[in-house]
C-alpha atoms as a PDB file:
ATOM      1  CA  MET A   1      16.442   9.256 -27.816  1.00  0.00           C
ATOM      2  CA  LEU A   2      20.479   9.205 -26.281  1.00  0.00           C
ATOM      3  CA  ASN A   3      18.913  12.717 -25.206  1.00  0.00           C
ATOM      4  CA  TYR A   4      16.147  11.261 -23.501  1.00  0.00           C
ATOM      5  CA  PHE A   5      17.312   8.731 -21.833  1.00  0.00           C
ATOM      6  CA  THR A   6      20.478  10.202 -20.368  1.00  0.00           C
ATOM      7  CA  PHE A   7      17.537  12.979 -19.839  1.00  0.00           C
ATOM      8  CA  ARG A   8      16.113  10.662 -17.549  1.00  0.00           C
ATOM      9  CA  PHE A   9      19.136   9.175 -15.855  1.00  0.00           C
ATOM     10  CA  LEU A  10      20.052  12.677 -14.498  1.00  0.00           C
ATOM     11  CA  SER A  11      16.331  13.538 -13.180  1.00  0.00           C
ATOM     12  CA  ILE A  12      17.229  10.591 -10.816  1.00  0.00           C
ATOM     13  CA  ILE A  13      19.258  12.793  -8.375  1.00  0.00           C
ATOM     14  CA  PRO A  14      15.852  15.373  -8.148  1.00  0.00           C
ATOM     15  CA  MET A  15      13.987  12.219  -7.510  1.00  0.00           C
ATOM     16  CA  LEU A  16      15.784  11.110  -4.932  1.00  0.00           C
ATOM     17  CA  PHE A  17      16.915  14.123  -2.584  1.00  0.00           C
ATOM     18  CA  LEU A  18      13.065  14.739  -2.615  1.00  0.00           C
ATOM     19  CA  VAL A  19      12.714  10.985  -1.756  1.00  0.00           C
ATOM     20  CA  THR A  20      14.794  11.954   1.173  1.00  0.00           C
ATOM     21  CA  VAL A  21      12.888  14.870   2.513  1.00  0.00           C
ATOM     22  CA  ILE A  22       9.866  13.052   2.467  1.00  0.00           C
ATOM     23  CA  ILE A  23      11.134  10.592   4.300  1.00  0.00           C
ATOM     24  CA  PHE A  24      13.164  12.354   7.611  1.00  0.00           C
ATOM     25  CA  ILE A  25      10.112  14.992   7.618  1.00  0.00           C
ATOM     26  CA  GLY A  26       8.291  12.044   7.431  1.00  0.00           C
ATOM     27  CA  LEU A  27      10.304  10.458  10.247  1.00  0.00           C
ATOM     28  CA  GLN A  28      10.767  13.675  12.353  1.00  0.00           C
ATOM     29  CA  LEU A  29       6.760  13.653  12.623  1.00  0.00           C
ATOM     30  CA  THR A  30       6.704  10.760  14.380  1.00  0.00           C
ATOM     31  CA  PRO A  31       6.065  10.310  18.082  1.00  0.00           C
ATOM     32  CA  GLY A  32       9.404   9.409  20.308  1.00  0.00           C
ATOM     33  CA  ASP A  33      12.281   9.632  19.440  1.00  0.00           C
ATOM     34  CA  PRO A  34      15.842   7.417  20.202  1.00  0.00           C
ATOM     35  CA  LEU A  35      16.394   8.085  23.239  1.00  0.00           C
ATOM     36  CA  THR A  36      12.775   7.002  24.173  1.00  0.00           C
ATOM     37  CA  TYR A  37      14.006   3.711  22.741  1.00  0.00           C
ATOM     38  CA  LEU A  38      18.072   3.266  23.938  1.00  0.00           C
ATOM     39  CA  ILE A  39      18.122   4.719  27.250  1.00  0.00           C
ATOM     40  CA  PRO A  40      15.151   2.423  29.814  1.00  0.00           C
ATOM     41  CA  PRO A  41      11.890   4.705  31.254  1.00  0.00           C
ATOM     42  CA  GLU A  42      12.800   4.311  34.161  1.00  0.00           C
ATOM     43  CA  LEU A  43      15.821   6.515  33.335  1.00  0.00           C
ATOM     44  CA  LEU A  44      14.256   9.144  31.425  1.00  0.00           C
ATOM     45  CA  ALA A  45      12.231  10.044  34.679  1.00  0.00           C
ATOM     46  CA  SER A  46      14.954  10.504  36.964  1.00  0.00           C
ATOM     47  CA  ALA A  47      14.929  13.490  37.996  1.00  0.00           C
ATOM     48  CA  ASN A  48      18.978  13.651  37.583  1.00  0.00           C
ATOM     49  CA  PHE A  49      18.951  12.287  34.118  1.00  0.00           C
ATOM     50  CA  ASP A  50      19.895  15.230  31.717  1.00  0.00           C
ATOM     51  CA  LEU A  51      18.302  14.515  28.419  1.00  0.00           C
ATOM     52  CA  GLU A  52      18.994  17.545  26.632  1.00  0.00           C
ATOM     53  CA  GLY A  53      22.847  16.966  27.645  1.00  0.00           C
ATOM     54  CA  TYR A  54      21.977  13.191  25.669  1.00  0.00           C
ATOM     55  CA  LYS A  55      20.039  14.998  22.725  1.00  0.00           C
ATOM     56  CA  LYS A  56      23.287  17.396  22.323  1.00  0.00           C
ATOM     57  CA  ALA A  57      25.922  14.895  21.966  1.00  0.00           C
ATOM     58  CA  MET A  58      24.021  12.935  19.396  1.00  0.00           C
ATOM     59  CA  GLY A  59      23.151  15.901  17.635  1.00  0.00           C
ATOM     60  CA  LEU A  60      19.052  15.836  18.197  1.00  0.00           C
ATOM     61  CA  ASP A  61      18.763  18.871  19.733  1.00  0.00           C
ATOM     62  CA  ALA A  62      19.211  21.219  16.120  1.00  0.00           C
ATOM     63  CA  PRO A  63      16.190  22.262  14.524  1.00  0.00           C
ATOM     64  CA  VAL A  64      15.130  19.916  11.437  1.00  0.00           C
ATOM     65  CA  TYR A  65      16.350  21.303   8.760  1.00  0.00           C
ATOM     66  CA  ILE A  66      19.809  21.479  10.572  1.00  0.00           C
ATOM     67  CA  GLN A  67      19.737  17.568  10.808  1.00  0.00           C
ATOM     68  CA  PHE A  68      18.576  16.883   7.506  1.00  0.00           C
ATOM     69  CA  PHE A  69      21.375  18.863   5.860  1.00  0.00           C
ATOM     70  CA  ARG A  70      24.222  17.083   8.217  1.00  0.00           C
ATOM     71  CA  TRP A  71      22.879  14.451   7.073  1.00  0.00           C
ATOM     72  CA  LEU A  72      22.851  14.649   3.185  1.00  0.00           C
ATOM     73  CA  THR A  73      26.618  16.847   3.545  1.00  0.00           C
ATOM     74  CA  ASP A  74      28.283  13.701   5.283  1.00  0.00           C
ATOM     75  CA  LEU A  75      26.109  11.498   2.616  1.00  0.00           C
ATOM     76  CA  LEU A  76      27.446  13.246  -0.243  1.00  0.00           C
ATOM     77  CA  GLN A  77      30.761  13.076   1.224  1.00  0.00           C
ATOM     78  CA  GLY A  78      30.656   8.613   1.211  1.00  0.00           C
ATOM     79  CA  LYS A  79      30.121   8.632   4.715  1.00  0.00           C
ATOM     80  CA  LEU A  80      26.730   6.456   5.274  1.00  0.00           C
ATOM     81  CA  GLY A  81      26.823   7.149   9.350  1.00  0.00           C
ATOM     82  CA  TYR A  82      26.388   5.207  12.313  1.00  0.00           C
ATOM     83  CA  SER A  83      23.342   4.202  14.462  1.00  0.00           C
ATOM     84  CA  LEU A  84      21.959   6.032  16.722  1.00  0.00           C
ATOM     85  CA  VAL A  85      21.124   3.058  18.763  1.00  0.00           C
ATOM     86  CA  ASP A  86      23.926   0.906  19.229  1.00  0.00           C
ATOM     87  CA  GLY A  87      26.307   3.057  17.509  1.00  0.00           C
ATOM     88  CA  SER A  88      27.230   0.590  14.484  1.00  0.00           C
ATOM     89  CA  SER A  89      28.492   1.141  11.504  1.00  0.00           C
ATOM     90  CA  ILE A  90      25.706   1.505   9.237  1.00  0.00           C
ATOM     91  CA  ALA A  91      28.250   0.364   6.155  1.00  0.00           C
ATOM     92  CA  LYS A  92      29.081  -2.707   8.027  1.00  0.00           C
ATOM     93  CA  MET A  93      25.353  -3.247   8.869  1.00  0.00           C
ATOM     94  CA  ILE A  94      24.703  -3.041   5.281  1.00  0.00           C
ATOM     95  CA  SER A  95      27.096  -4.951   4.679  1.00  0.00           C
ATOM     96  CA  ASN A  96      26.238  -7.640   6.902  1.00  0.00           C
ATOM     97  CA  ARG A  97      22.713  -7.807   5.924  1.00  0.00           C
ATOM     98  CA  LEU A  98      22.548  -6.696   2.298  1.00  0.00           C
ATOM     99  CA  PRO A  99      23.847 -10.792   0.679  1.00  0.00           C
ATOM    100  CA  ALA A 100      21.416 -12.723   2.773  1.00  0.00           C
ATOM    101  CA  THR A 101      18.069 -10.312   1.472  1.00  0.00           C
ATOM    102  CA  LEU A 102      19.384 -10.783  -2.543  1.00  0.00           C
ATOM    103  CA  GLU A 103      20.299 -14.320  -2.658  1.00  0.00           C
ATOM    104  CA  LEU A 104      16.356 -14.444  -1.103  1.00  0.00           C
ATOM    105  CA  ALA A 105      15.430 -11.915  -3.228  1.00  0.00           C
ATOM    106  CA  ALA A 106      17.001 -13.762  -6.659  1.00  0.00           C
ATOM    107  CA  ALA A 107      16.098 -17.583  -5.604  1.00  0.00           C
ATOM    108  CA  ALA A 108      12.352 -15.989  -5.277  1.00  0.00           C
ATOM    109  CA  LEU A 109      12.653 -14.487  -8.690  1.00  0.00           C
ATOM    110  CA  ILE A 110      14.624 -17.174 -10.765  1.00  0.00           C
ATOM    111  CA  VAL A 111      11.736 -19.103  -9.198  1.00  0.00           C
ATOM    112  CA  SER A 112       8.398 -16.821  -9.375  1.00  0.00           C
ATOM    113  CA  SER A 113       9.514 -16.051 -13.310  1.00  0.00           C
ATOM    114  CA  ILE A 114      10.015 -19.800 -14.720  1.00  0.00           C
ATOM    115  CA  LEU A 115       6.629 -21.063 -13.201  1.00  0.00           C
ATOM    116  CA  GLY A 116       4.608 -18.018 -13.447  1.00  0.00           C
ATOM    117  CA  ILE A 117       5.623 -17.941 -17.262  1.00  0.00           C
ATOM    118  CA  LEU A 118       5.315 -21.299 -17.735  1.00  0.00           C
ATOM    119  CA  LEU A 119       2.125 -21.940 -16.493  1.00  0.00           C
ATOM    120  CA  GLY A 120       0.717 -18.196 -17.568  1.00  0.00           C
ATOM    121  CA  LEU A 121       1.608 -19.847 -20.789  1.00  0.00           C
ATOM    122  CA  ILE A 122      -0.271 -23.028 -20.571  1.00  0.00           C
ATOM    123  CA  SER A 123      -3.419 -21.521 -19.556  1.00  0.00           C
ATOM    124  CA  SER A 124      -3.435 -18.945 -22.576  1.00  0.00           C
ATOM    125  CA  ILE A 125      -2.668 -22.753 -24.481  1.00  0.00           C
ATOM    126  CA  ARG A 126      -4.966 -24.703 -22.512  1.00  0.00           C
ATOM    127  CA  GLN A 127      -7.939 -21.597 -22.131  1.00  0.00           C
ATOM    128  CA  ASN A 128     -11.225 -22.950 -20.444  1.00  0.00           C
ATOM    129  CA  SER A 129      -8.981 -26.515 -19.800  1.00  0.00           C
ATOM    130  CA  ALA A 130      -8.319 -28.183 -16.777  1.00  0.00           C
ATOM    131  CA  ALA A 131      -4.754 -26.682 -16.315  1.00  0.00           C
ATOM    132  CA  ASP A 132      -6.448 -22.840 -16.541  1.00  0.00           C
ATOM    133  CA  TYR A 133      -8.816 -23.480 -13.931  1.00  0.00           C
ATOM    134  CA  GLY A 134      -6.224 -25.136 -11.246  1.00  0.00           C
ATOM    135  CA  ASN A 135      -3.880 -22.796 -12.762  1.00  0.00           C
ATOM    136  CA  THR A 136      -6.806 -19.832 -11.902  1.00  0.00           C
ATOM    137  CA  VAL A 137      -6.811 -20.926  -8.271  1.00  0.00           C
ATOM    138  CA  ILE A 138      -3.727 -21.302  -7.403  1.00  0.00           C
ATOM    139  CA  GLY A 139      -3.033 -17.223  -9.048  1.00  0.00           C
ATOM    140  CA  ILE A 140      -6.292 -16.076  -6.730  1.00  0.00           C
ATOM    141  CA  ILE A 141      -5.081 -18.323  -3.857  1.00  0.00           C
ATOM    142  CA  GLY A 142      -1.547 -16.846  -4.079  1.00  0.00           C
ATOM    143  CA  ILE A 143      -3.019 -13.540  -4.571  1.00  0.00           C
ATOM    144  CA  SER A 144      -5.212 -13.473  -1.820  1.00  0.00           C
ATOM    145  CA  ILE A 145      -3.553 -15.244   0.731  1.00  0.00           C
ATOM    146  CA  PRO A 146      -0.999 -12.942   2.675  1.00  0.00           C
ATOM    147  CA  GLU A 147       2.396 -14.103   2.717  1.00  0.00           C
ATOM    148  CA  PHE A 148       2.543 -14.285   6.509  1.00  0.00           C
ATOM    149  CA  PHE A 149      -0.286 -16.681   6.663  1.00  0.00           C
ATOM    150  CA  ILE A 150       1.447 -18.359   3.799  1.00  0.00           C
ATOM    151  CA  GLY A 151       4.798 -19.373   5.757  1.00  0.00           C
ATOM    152  CA  ILE A 152       3.711 -20.781   9.260  1.00  0.00           C
ATOM    153  CA  ILE A 153       0.985 -23.274   7.079  1.00  0.00           C
ATOM    154  CA  ALA A 154       4.848 -23.291   5.363  1.00  0.00           C
ATOM    155  CA  ILE A 155       6.381 -24.015   8.304  1.00  0.00           C
ATOM    156  CA  GLN A 156       3.895 -25.421  10.441  1.00  0.00           C
ATOM    157  CA  ILE A 157       3.755 -28.982   7.594  1.00  0.00           C
ATOM    158  CA  PHE A 158       7.310 -28.778   6.033  1.00  0.00           C
ATOM    159  CA  ALA A 159       9.804 -27.808   9.576  1.00  0.00           C
ATOM    160  CA  ILE A 160       7.284 -29.645  11.832  1.00  0.00           C
ATOM    161  CA  LYS A 161       5.219 -32.049  11.067  1.00  0.00           C
ATOM    162  CA  LEU A 162       6.894 -33.898   8.366  1.00  0.00           C
ATOM    163  CA  GLY A 163      10.414 -32.317   9.607  1.00  0.00           C
ATOM    164  CA  TRP A 164      11.460 -32.165   5.457  1.00  0.00           C
ATOM    165  CA  LEU A 165      12.890 -28.701   6.210  1.00  0.00           C
ATOM    166  CA  PRO A 166      14.712 -26.377   8.569  1.00  0.00           C
ATOM    167  CA  VAL A 167      12.440 -23.818  10.181  1.00  0.00           C
ATOM    168  CA  GLY A 168      14.134 -20.881   9.586  1.00  0.00           C
ATOM    169  CA  GLY A 169      17.493 -19.495  10.049  1.00  0.00           C
ATOM    170  CA  ARG A 170      19.460 -18.869   6.440  1.00  0.00           C
ATOM    171  CA  PHE A 171      22.342 -21.579   7.893  1.00  0.00           C
ATOM    172  CA  GLU A 172      23.490 -23.929  10.969  1.00  0.00           C
ATOM    173  CA  TYR A 173      27.066 -23.307  11.848  1.00  0.00           C
ATOM    174  CA  ALA A 174      29.882 -20.650   9.921  1.00  0.00           C
ATOM    175  CA  ASP A 175      30.800 -22.875   7.518  1.00  0.00           C
ATOM    176  CA  SER A 176      28.304 -24.879   6.900  1.00  0.00           C
ATOM    177  CA  GLY A 177      28.459 -26.425   3.913  1.00  0.00           C
ATOM    178  CA  PHE A 178      25.904 -25.431  -0.113  1.00  0.00           C
ATOM    179  CA  VAL A 179      23.831 -28.130   1.545  1.00  0.00           C
ATOM    180  CA  ASP A 180      22.803 -26.964   4.228  1.00  0.00           C
ATOM    181  CA  ARG A 181      22.204 -23.416   2.644  1.00  0.00           C
ATOM    182  CA  LEU A 182      19.789 -24.278   0.594  1.00  0.00           C
ATOM    183  CA  SER A 183      17.847 -26.286   2.965  1.00  0.00           C
ATOM    184  CA  HIS A 184      17.403 -23.035   4.733  1.00  0.00           C
ATOM    185  CA  LEU A 185      16.568 -21.068   1.302  1.00  0.00           C
ATOM    186  CA  ILE A 186      14.211 -23.233  -0.281  1.00  0.00           C
ATOM    187  CA  MET A 187      11.033 -22.476   1.803  1.00  0.00           C
ATOM    188  CA  PRO A 188      11.196 -18.667   2.672  1.00  0.00           C
ATOM    189  CA  SER A 189      11.564 -18.162  -1.495  1.00  0.00           C
ATOM    190  CA  LEU A 190       9.237 -20.630  -2.055  1.00  0.00           C
ATOM    191  CA  VAL A 191       6.873 -18.662   0.072  1.00  0.00           C
ATOM    192  CA  LEU A 192       7.834 -15.024  -1.856  1.00  0.00           C
ATOM    193  CA  GLY A 193       7.606 -16.022  -5.048  1.00  0.00           C
ATOM    194  CA  PHE A 194       3.874 -17.904  -4.652  1.00  0.00           C
ATOM    195  CA  SER A 195       2.655 -14.622  -4.821  1.00  0.00           C
ATOM    196  CA  LEU A 196       5.042 -13.580  -7.269  1.00  0.00           C
ATOM    197  CA  THR A 197       4.205 -16.457  -9.548  1.00  0.00           C
ATOM    198  CA  ALA A 198       0.267 -16.312  -8.975  1.00  0.00           C
ATOM    199  CA  ALA A 199       0.591 -12.610  -9.929  1.00  0.00           C
ATOM    200  CA  LEU A 200       2.779 -13.330 -13.222  1.00  0.00           C
ATOM    201  CA  MET A 201       0.691 -16.240 -14.156  1.00  0.00           C
ATOM    202  CA  ARG A 202      -2.060 -13.681 -14.634  1.00  0.00           C
ATOM    203  CA  TYR A 203       0.017 -11.109 -16.303  1.00  0.00           C
ATOM    204  CA  THR A 204       1.141 -13.759 -18.674  1.00  0.00           C
ATOM    205  CA  ARG A 205      -1.982 -15.220 -19.578  1.00  0.00           C
ATOM    206  CA  GLY A 206      -3.615 -11.816 -19.809  1.00  0.00           C
ATOM    207  CA  THR A 207      -1.044 -11.356 -22.584  1.00  0.00           C
ATOM    208  CA  MET A 208      -1.132 -14.389 -24.187  1.00  0.00           C
ATOM    209  CA  LEU A 209      -4.342 -14.455 -24.420  1.00  0.00           C
ATOM    210  CA  ASP A 210      -4.636 -11.187 -25.963  1.00  0.00           C
ATOM    211  CA  VAL A 211      -1.607 -11.910 -28.671  1.00  0.00           C
ATOM    212  CA  LEU A 212      -3.002 -15.115 -30.153  1.00  0.00           C
ATOM    213  CA  GLY A 213      -6.022 -12.704 -31.121  1.00  0.00           C
ATOM    214  CA  LYS A 214      -4.049 -10.776 -33.006  1.00  0.00           C
ATOM    215  CA  ASP A 215      -4.458 -11.424 -36.908  1.00  0.00           C
ATOM    216  CA  TYR A 216      -0.234 -12.112 -37.654  1.00  0.00           C
ATOM    217  CA  VAL A 217      -0.930 -15.013 -35.504  1.00  0.00           C
ATOM    218  CA  LYS A 218      -3.810 -16.423 -37.264  1.00  0.00           C
ATOM    219  CA  THR A 219      -2.758 -15.917 -40.327  1.00  0.00           C
ATOM    220  CA  ALA A 220       0.582 -17.994 -39.220  1.00  0.00           C
ATOM    221  CA  ARG A 221      -2.033 -20.525 -39.006  1.00  0.00           C
ATOM    222  CA  SER A 222      -3.579 -20.517 -42.054  1.00  0.00           C
ATOM    223  CA  LYS A 223      -0.356 -21.193 -43.681  1.00  0.00           C
ATOM    224  CA  GLY A 224      -0.229 -24.332 -41.574  1.00  0.00           C
ATOM    225  CA  LEU A 225       2.820 -23.932 -39.366  1.00  0.00           C
ATOM    226  CA  PRO A 226       2.695 -26.459 -36.894  1.00  0.00           C
ATOM    227  CA  GLU A 227       1.032 -24.787 -33.567  1.00  0.00           C
ATOM    228  CA  TRP A 228       3.937 -24.756 -31.700  1.00  0.00           C
ATOM    229  CA  LYS A 229       6.132 -23.253 -33.194  1.00  0.00           C
ATOM    230  CA  VAL A 230       2.426 -20.551 -34.126  1.00  0.00           C
ATOM    231  CA  ASN A 231       2.434 -20.346 -29.558  1.00  0.00           C
ATOM    232  CA  VAL A 232       5.770 -20.134 -29.483  1.00  0.00           C
ATOM    233  CA  LYS A 233       7.513 -18.022 -32.614  1.00  0.00           C
ATOM    234  CA  HIS A 234       5.073 -15.825 -33.099  1.00  0.00           C
ATOM    235  CA  ALA A 235       2.465 -15.044 -30.411  1.00  0.00           C
ATOM    236  CA  PHE A 236       5.094 -15.916 -27.339  1.00  0.00           C
ATOM    237  CA  ARG A 237       8.008 -13.410 -28.679  1.00  0.00           C
ATOM    238  CA  ASN A 238       5.863 -10.517 -29.016  1.00  0.00           C
ATOM    239  CA  ALA A 239       4.018 -11.242 -25.566  1.00  0.00           C
ATOM    240  CA  LEU A 240       7.171 -11.562 -23.170  1.00  0.00           C
ATOM    241  CA  MET A 241       7.501  -7.753 -23.836  1.00  0.00           C
ATOM    242  CA  PRO A 242       5.326  -6.732 -21.402  1.00  0.00           C
ATOM    243  CA  VAL A 243       5.887  -9.764 -18.617  1.00  0.00           C
ATOM    244  CA  VAL A 244       9.772  -8.523 -19.143  1.00  0.00           C
ATOM    245  CA  LEU A 245       9.222  -4.710 -18.504  1.00  0.00           C
ATOM    246  CA  LEU A 246       6.791  -5.970 -15.395  1.00  0.00           C
ATOM    247  CA  LEU A 247       9.622  -8.631 -14.062  1.00  0.00           C
ATOM    248  CA  CYS A 248      12.291  -5.321 -14.103  1.00  0.00           C
ATOM    249  CA  PHE A 249       9.326  -3.485 -11.989  1.00  0.00           C
ATOM    250  CA  ARG A 250      10.220  -6.670  -9.886  1.00  0.00           C
ATOM    251  CA  LEU A 251      13.262  -6.022  -8.752  1.00  0.00           C
ATOM    252  CA  PRO A 252      12.401  -3.336  -5.383  1.00  0.00           C
ATOM    253  CA  LEU A 253       9.729  -4.888  -4.679  1.00  0.00           C
ATOM    254  CA  LEU A 254      11.374  -8.572  -3.945  1.00  0.00           C
ATOM    255  CA  ILE A 255      13.776  -6.374  -2.069  1.00  0.00           C
ATOM    256  CA  GLY A 256      11.434  -4.162   0.226  1.00  0.00           C
ATOM    257  CA  GLY A 257       8.876  -7.301   0.050  1.00  0.00           C
ATOM    258  CA  THR A 258      11.485  -9.818   2.334  1.00  0.00           C
ATOM    259  CA  VAL A 259      10.386  -7.663   5.600  1.00  0.00           C
ATOM    260  CA  ILE A 260       7.494 -10.284   6.354  1.00  0.00           C
ATOM    261  CA  ILE A 261       9.362 -13.262   5.205  1.00  0.00           C
ATOM    262  CA  GLU A 262      12.415 -12.684   6.586  1.00  0.00           C
ATOM    263  CA  SER A 263      10.424 -11.542   9.981  1.00  0.00           C
ATOM    264  CA  VAL A 264       8.445 -14.957   9.625  1.00  0.00           C
ATOM    265  CA  PHE A 265      12.279 -17.451   8.952  1.00  0.00           C
ATOM    266  CA  GLY A 266      14.384 -15.123  10.858  1.00  0.00           C
ATOM    267  CA  TRP A 267      16.306 -14.830   7.982  1.00  0.00           C
ATOM    268  CA  PRO A 268      19.527 -12.113   8.624  1.00  0.00           C
ATOM    269  CA  GLY A 269      18.542  -9.847   5.884  1.00  0.00           C
ATOM    270  CA  MET A 270      17.360  -5.725   5.755  1.00  0.00           C
ATOM    271  CA  GLY A 271      14.177  -6.641   6.704  1.00  0.00           C
ATOM    272  CA  GLY A 272      14.848  -7.633  10.255  1.00  0.00           C
ATOM    273  CA  MET A 273      17.204  -4.021  10.007  1.00  0.00           C
ATOM    274  CA  ILE A 274      14.443  -1.891   8.206  1.00  0.00           C
ATOM    275  CA  LEU A 275      11.750  -2.563  10.786  1.00  0.00           C
ATOM    276  CA  ASN A 276      14.318  -2.252  13.779  1.00  0.00           C
ATOM    277  CA  ALA A 277      15.398   0.831  13.112  1.00  0.00           C
ATOM    278  CA  VAL A 278      11.728   2.335  11.960  1.00  0.00           C
ATOM    279  CA  SER A 279      11.317   1.278  15.274  1.00  0.00           C
ATOM    280  CA  ALA A 280      13.866   2.785  17.233  1.00  0.00           C
ATOM    281  CA  LYS A 281      13.418   5.851  14.950  1.00  0.00           C
ATOM    282  CA  ASP A 282      16.912   5.312  14.192  1.00  0.00           C
ATOM    283  CA  TYR A 283      16.849   8.059  11.310  1.00  0.00           C
ATOM    284  CA  PRO A 284      20.376   7.395   9.958  1.00  0.00           C
ATOM    285  CA  VAL A 285      20.039   3.605   9.393  1.00  0.00           C
ATOM    286  CA  VAL A 286      15.944   4.678   7.556  1.00  0.00           C
ATOM    287  CA  MET A 287      17.560   7.314   5.751  1.00  0.00           C
ATOM    288  CA  ILE A 288      20.118   5.185   3.895  1.00  0.00           C
ATOM    289  CA  THR A 289      18.071   1.821   3.501  1.00  0.00           C
ATOM    290  CA  THR A 290      14.975   4.026   2.168  1.00  0.00           C
ATOM    291  CA  MET A 291      17.766   5.361  -0.150  1.00  0.00           C
ATOM    292  CA  MET A 292      18.914   1.695  -1.514  1.00  0.00           C
ATOM    293  CA  THR A 293      14.995   0.551  -1.933  1.00  0.00           C
ATOM    294  CA  ALA A 294      14.685   4.672  -3.606  1.00  0.00           C
ATOM    295  CA  CYS A 295      17.345   3.855  -6.354  1.00  0.00           C
ATOM    296  CA  MET A 296      15.984   0.544  -6.989  1.00  0.00           C
ATOM    297  CA  VAL A 297      13.055   1.437  -7.677  1.00  0.00           C
ATOM    298  CA  LEU A 298      13.894   4.498  -9.901  1.00  0.00           C
ATOM    299  CA  LEU A 299      16.512   2.710 -11.328  1.00  0.00           C
ATOM    300  CA  ALA A 300      14.019  -0.253 -12.863  1.00  0.00           C
ATOM    301  CA  SER A 301      11.766   3.299 -13.938  1.00  0.00           C
ATOM    302  CA  PHE A 302      14.888   3.657 -16.269  1.00  0.00           C
ATOM    303  CA  LEU A 303      15.110   0.142 -17.425  1.00  0.00           C
ATOM    304  CA  VAL A 304      12.133  -0.044 -18.354  1.00  0.00           C
ATOM    305  CA  ASP A 305      12.158   2.544 -20.469  1.00  0.00           C
ATOM    306  CA  LEU A 306      15.411   1.940 -22.099  1.00  0.00           C
ATOM    307  CA  LEU A 307      14.083  -1.703 -22.689  1.00  0.00           C
ATOM    308  CA  THR A 308      10.550  -0.500 -24.430  1.00  0.00           C
ATOM    309  CA  ALA A 309      12.767   1.621 -26.469  1.00  0.00           C
ATOM    310  CA  LEU A 310      14.724  -1.964 -27.498  1.00  0.00           C
ATOM    311  CA  LEU A 311      11.907  -3.989 -27.553  1.00  0.00           C
ATOM    312  CA  ASP A 312       9.812  -2.057 -29.553  1.00  0.00           C
ATOM    313  CA  PRO A 313      10.593  -0.483 -33.035  1.00  0.00           C
ATOM    314  CA  ARG A 314       7.456   1.326 -32.404  1.00  0.00           C
ATOM    315  CA  VAL A 315       8.284   3.290 -30.390  1.00  0.00           C
ATOM    316  CA  ARG A 316      10.077   6.654 -30.534  1.00  0.00           C
ATOM    317  CA  PHE A 317      11.600   8.580 -27.517  1.00  0.00           C
ATOM    318  CA  GLU A 318      11.997  12.612 -29.045  1.00  0.00           C
END
């Protein structure tokens, strides 16, 4: 088993390299370049403007493969580089924005995990009841309606009409306290967690119903055990493993999934930086943020394999 996990962990390196190659080539194939975003159109159209000189100064005149290996060499040396648009340090940009994204993603993950598992458990235990039908309706709404639309409705109701929560932003002032930070976090985290709750609830319900039909659960009931003990100790413990694995895959999706919510609520996280970098074809910023997301996806996949082996004694890796 140790050899298998060592191989799986080392295989992340070539997969990351392949991801970076694909992203870099895809950026090169998109129309435009950073100069068209950075320089005003009237200046670009001027006959006296030395466009080639600007490209040479920024290293954009070299062939694609040379640009890629320059970037890769700097990355292997621990240099994240600088933005082509404003010259800002990418490491500093990430350090300023990543905590906000992690804060929003962690809050949404906690809310969606608790509500999704709890509602899914209730729906499976009380199958075909009013609670089950109500949770089904909530699940369909959460999965079907886009997050940005739910966010706009939430702003209209809770921020504009009722005035209970702020419209957007992370906090009002730099020295704001916990209460102010929490009031700004509640609405975007609940909106982001709503669709995640709906999906997790349906998944938990399905796995619980599958386990409740197993012979060992029927045997536990025939022994006269209390129903809560049968549901929690014998059914829920065995149904929890697929849910835990699903939550592992949610970790990278939350980081990438905050882009829309951050735009709707003006949250100063990684989402706005990614959108601006893609619009401006800011290659270094896009490459580093893509690498971070790809790392999280691959590490989540590795973690799922590890948890599968640890939680399920029937699984053996050779």
